Amino acid sequence: QVQLVEYGGGLVQPGGSLRLSCAASGSIFSIYAMGWYRQAPGNQRELVASITNSGITNYADSVKGRFTISRDDAINTVYLQMDSLKLEDTAVYYCNKNRLPRFPWGQGTQVTVSP
């Protein structure tokens, strides 16, 4: 069973940057397309970025040009570089497969963008 651990969140001012990491247990991680999701209070969880096992990326319009997803299969880790952060990026961020069935969700990492 793959376990996901997200970290790297924190409090940042608008315009700032953060780099999130997602470490996955299990040797089959590299065969899956992965995504970063976020959930703000009162909102549904949404997919903001995804990356295939061959490195093809895709982004939600709301983060395109500001966020960059990458992966290092050698250490079973997916990253999300977030630049030019906005107040509306405040949410709990999670990683998971971008297709069903998903792995069990991790605890997520809180990103708060505030002046």
Protein backbone atom coordinates (compact mmCIF):
# COMPACT_ATOMS: atom_id res chain seq x y z
CA GLN A 1 0.00 0.00 0.00
CA VAL A 2 1.48 3.32 -1.06
CA GLN A 3 1.61 5.99 1.63
CA LEU A 4 1.89 9.68 0.77
CA VAL A 5 3.46 12.35 2.97
CA GLU A 6 3.23 15.98 1.92
CA TYR A 7 5.38 18.72 3.43
CA GLY A 8 6.84 22.14 2.73
CA GLY A 9 3.79 24.32 3.32
CA GLY A 10 3.76 27.41 5.47
CA LEU A 11 2.83 31.06 5.75
CA VAL A 12 3.96 33.31 2.93
CA GLN A 13 3.17 36.82 1.75
CA PRO A 14 1.49 37.47 -1.60
CA GLY A 15 4.05 37.27 -4.36
CA GLY A 16 6.18 34.83 -2.40
CA SER A 17 7.22 31.28 -3.20
CA LEU A 18 7.04 27.86 -1.62
CA ARG A 19 8.18 24.42 -2.69
CA LEU A 20 6.03 21.49 -1.69
CA SER A 21 7.25 17.92 -1.61
CA CYS A 22 5.35 14.65 -1.59
CA ALA A 23 7.19 11.51 -0.58
CA ALA A 24 5.64 8.18 -1.54
CA SER A 25 6.45 4.78 -0.18
CA GLY A 26 6.45 1.81 -2.50
CA SER A 27 8.60 0.83 -5.43
CA ILE A 28 5.89 1.17 -8.09
CA PHE A 29 5.50 4.92 -7.71
CA SER A 30 7.27 5.64 -10.99
CA ILE A 31 4.61 4.05 -13.19
CA TYR A 32 1.86 6.42 -12.11
CA ALA A 33 0.86 9.84 -13.29
CA MET A 34 0.68 12.03 -10.21
CA GLY A 35 -1.03 15.26 -9.32
CA TRP A 36 -1.15 18.00 -6.75
CA TYR A 37 -4.56 18.87 -5.38
CA ARG A 38 -5.75 21.56 -3.04
CA GLN A 39 -8.76 22.13 -0.86
CA ALA A 40 -9.72 25.46 0.59
CA PRO A 41 -12.27 25.74 3.41
CA GLY A 42 -15.77 25.23 2.07
CA ASN A 43 -14.52 24.16 -1.35
CA GLN A 44 -14.13 20.81 -3.03
CA ARG A 45 -10.70 19.35 -3.57
CA GLU A 46 -9.37 20.39 -6.97
CA LEU A 47 -6.53 19.19 -9.15
CA VAL A 48 -4.06 22.01 -9.83
CA ALA A 49 -1.16 20.25 -11.53
CA SER A 50 -0.33 16.82 -12.89
CA ILE A 51 2.65 15.02 -14.34
CA THR A 52 2.75 11.77 -16.28
CA ASN A 53 5.34 9.07 -15.74
CA SER A 54 7.12 10.44 -18.84
CA GLY A 55 7.18 13.99 -17.50
CA ILE A 56 4.32 15.60 -19.41
CA THR A 57 2.74 18.28 -17.25
CA ASN A 58 -0.65 19.94 -17.13
CA TYR A 59 -1.96 22.80 -15.00
CA ALA A 60 -5.23 24.33 -13.98
CA ASP A 61 -5.76 27.75 -15.51
CA SER A 62 -5.65 29.34 -12.06
CA VAL A 63 -2.02 28.32 -11.51
CA LYS A 64 -0.64 28.15 -15.04
CA GLY A 65 2.58 30.11 -15.36
CA ARG A 66 3.04 30.30 -11.59
CA PHE A 67 3.29 26.66 -10.43
CA THR A 68 5.66 23.98 -11.67
CA ILE A 69 5.23 20.28 -10.98
CA SER A 70 8.16 17.88 -11.21
CA ARG A 71 9.09 14.43 -10.02
CA ASP A 72 12.14 12.43 -9.01
CA ASP A 73 11.29 8.77 -9.35
CA ALA A 74 14.65 7.74 -7.91
CA ILE A 75 13.46 8.96 -4.51
CA ASN A 76 9.71 8.56 -5.05
CA THR A 77 9.02 12.26 -4.70
CA VAL A 78 6.80 14.76 -6.46
CA TYR A 79 7.37 18.49 -6.12
CA LEU A 80 5.28 21.59 -6.60
CA GLN A 81 7.15 24.84 -7.00
CA MET A 82 4.74 27.69 -6.32
CA ASP A 83 5.73 31.21 -7.31
CA SER A 84 3.86 34.51 -7.36
CA LEU A 85 1.51 33.20 -4.73
CA LYS A 86 -1.87 34.82 -4.35
CA LEU A 87 -4.31 35.02 -1.47
CA GLU A 88 -6.58 32.57 -3.27
CA ASP A 89 -3.86 29.91 -3.27
CA THR A 90 -4.48 29.43 0.45
CA ALA A 91 -5.50 25.79 0.96
CA VAL A 92 -4.37 22.40 2.14
CA TYR A 93 -2.32 20.79 -0.60
CA TYR A 94 -2.26 17.07 -1.29
CA CYS A 95 -0.63 14.80 -3.81
CA ASN A 96 -2.09 11.64 -5.30
CA LYS A 97 -2.60 9.80 -8.54
CA ASN A 98 -4.55 11.87 -11.02
CA ARG A 99 -6.74 8.91 -11.91
CA LEU A 100 -8.89 6.49 -10.01
CA PRO A 101 -8.36 4.46 -7.98
CA ARG A 102 -6.34 6.85 -5.87
CA PHE A 103 -3.92 6.00 -3.13
CA PRO A 104 -5.05 6.70 0.43
CA TRP A 105 -4.84 10.45 0.95
CA GLY A 106 -2.04 11.84 3.06
CA GLN A 107 -2.48 14.50 5.69
CA GLY A 108 -1.71 17.31 3.30
CA THR A 109 0.33 20.43 3.93
CA GLN A 110 -1.19 23.83 4.72
CA VAL A 111 -0.30 26.78 2.53
CA THR A 112 -1.43 30.15 3.80
CA VAL A 113 -0.90 33.28 1.73
CA SER A 114 -1.45 36.37 3.83
CA PRO A 115 -0.09 39.94 3.91
